[in-house]
Amino acid sequence: MPQLNPTPWFAILIFSWLVFLTILPTKVMAHAFPNEPTPQSTEKSKTNPWTWPWY
């Protein structure tokens, strides 16, 4: 049965993983975000307690 011959499939597997591990991470890491996040203030906002009218 030719599908049990690992020679061509193993080479395809190794080559595809080499592509995934060498080319794709550089393309993903080169991605630039259009909007840089701005840091929010560290002071805590004051919340008012909610008065329950039916209690």
C-alpha atoms as a PDB file:
ATOM      1  CA  MET A   1       0.000   0.000   0.000  1.00  0.00           C
ATOM      2  CA  PRO A   2       1.589   3.292  -1.036  1.00  0.00           C
ATOM      3  CA  GLN A   3      -0.030   5.360   1.709  1.00  0.00           C
ATOM      4  CA  LEU A   4       1.990   3.446   4.309  1.00  0.00           C
ATOM      5  CA  ASN A   5       5.280   4.474   2.735  1.00  0.00           C
ATOM      6  CA  PRO A   6       6.507   7.243   5.119  1.00  0.00           C
ATOM      7  CA  THR A   7       9.195   8.636   2.822  1.00  0.00           C
ATOM      8  CA  PRO A   8       7.276  11.376   0.940  1.00  0.00           C
ATOM      9  CA  TRP A   9       4.885  12.203   3.789  1.00  0.00           C
ATOM     10  CA  PHE A  10       7.610  12.566   6.378  1.00  0.00           C
ATOM     11  CA  ALA A  11       9.499  14.974   4.118  1.00  0.00           C
ATOM     12  CA  ILE A  12       6.318  16.999   3.555  1.00  0.00           C
ATOM     13  CA  LEU A  13       5.658  17.065   7.312  1.00  0.00           C
ATOM     14  CA  ILE A  14       9.185  18.245   8.132  1.00  0.00           C
ATOM     15  CA  PHE A  15       9.166  20.884   5.373  1.00  0.00           C
ATOM     16  CA  SER A  16       5.777  22.245   6.415  1.00  0.00           C
ATOM     17  CA  TRP A  17       6.894  22.517  10.073  1.00  0.00           C
ATOM     18  CA  LEU A  18      10.057  24.299   8.961  1.00  0.00           C
ATOM     19  CA  VAL A  19       7.885  26.803   7.120  1.00  0.00           C
ATOM     20  CA  PHE A  20       5.633  27.229  10.155  1.00  0.00           C
ATOM     21  CA  LEU A  21       8.552  27.697  12.533  1.00  0.00           C
ATOM     22  CA  THR A  22      10.720  30.005  10.414  1.00  0.00           C
ATOM     23  CA  ILE A  23       8.589  32.142   8.114  1.00  0.00           C
ATOM     24  CA  LEU A  24       5.274  32.551   9.898  1.00  0.00           C
ATOM     25  CA  PRO A  25       6.539  33.765  13.331  1.00  0.00           C
ATOM     26  CA  THR A  26       8.505  36.569  11.683  1.00  0.00           C
ATOM     27  CA  LYS A  27       5.412  37.678   9.782  1.00  0.00           C
ATOM     28  CA  VAL A  28       3.256  37.532  12.910  1.00  0.00           C
ATOM     29  CA  MET A  29       5.772  39.394  15.061  1.00  0.00           C
ATOM     30  CA  ALA A  30       6.168  42.112  12.406  1.00  0.00           C
ATOM     31  CA  HIS A  31       2.485  42.972  12.718  1.00  0.00           C
ATOM     32  CA  ALA A  32       1.996  46.531  13.940  1.00  0.00           C
ATOM     33  CA  PHE A  33      -1.078  47.609  15.843  1.00  0.00           C
ATOM     34  CA  PRO A  34      -2.683  50.766  14.420  1.00  0.00           C
ATOM     35  CA  ASN A  35      -3.583  52.174  17.843  1.00  0.00           C
ATOM     36  CA  GLU A  36      -1.179  51.940  20.733  1.00  0.00           C
ATOM     37  CA  PRO A  37      -2.983  51.387  24.038  1.00  0.00           C
ATOM     38  CA  THR A  38      -2.937  54.306  26.436  1.00  0.00           C
ATOM     39  CA  PRO A  39      -2.308  53.597  30.117  1.00  0.00           C
ATOM     40  CA  GLN A  40      -5.281  54.283  32.342  1.00  0.00           C
ATOM     41  CA  SER A  41      -5.058  56.105  35.636  1.00  0.00           C
ATOM     42  CA  THR A  42      -4.237  54.030  38.694  1.00  0.00           C
ATOM     43  CA  GLU A  43      -6.519  55.866  41.087  1.00  0.00           C
ATOM     44  CA  LYS A  44      -9.691  54.017  41.935  1.00  0.00           C
ATOM     45  CA  SER A  45     -12.975  55.597  40.950  1.00  0.00           C
ATOM     46  CA  LYS A  46     -15.444  56.246  43.757  1.00  0.00           C
ATOM     47  CA  THR A  47     -18.612  54.196  43.489  1.00  0.00           C
ATOM     48  CA  ASN A  48     -21.810  55.132  45.234  1.00  0.00           C
ATOM     49  CA  PRO A  49     -23.866  52.439  46.946  1.00  0.00           C
ATOM     50  CA  TRP A  50     -27.074  51.555  45.241  1.00  0.00           C
ATOM     51  CA  THR A  51     -30.133  52.237  47.376  1.00  0.00           C
ATOM     52  CA  TRP A  52     -32.752  49.548  46.975  1.00  0.00           C
ATOM     53  CA  PRO A  53     -36.185  51.218  46.930  1.00  0.00           C
ATOM     54  CA  TRP A  54     -38.093  48.000  47.657  1.00  0.00           C
ATOM     55  CA  TYR A  55     -36.007  46.838  50.576  1.00  0.00           C
END
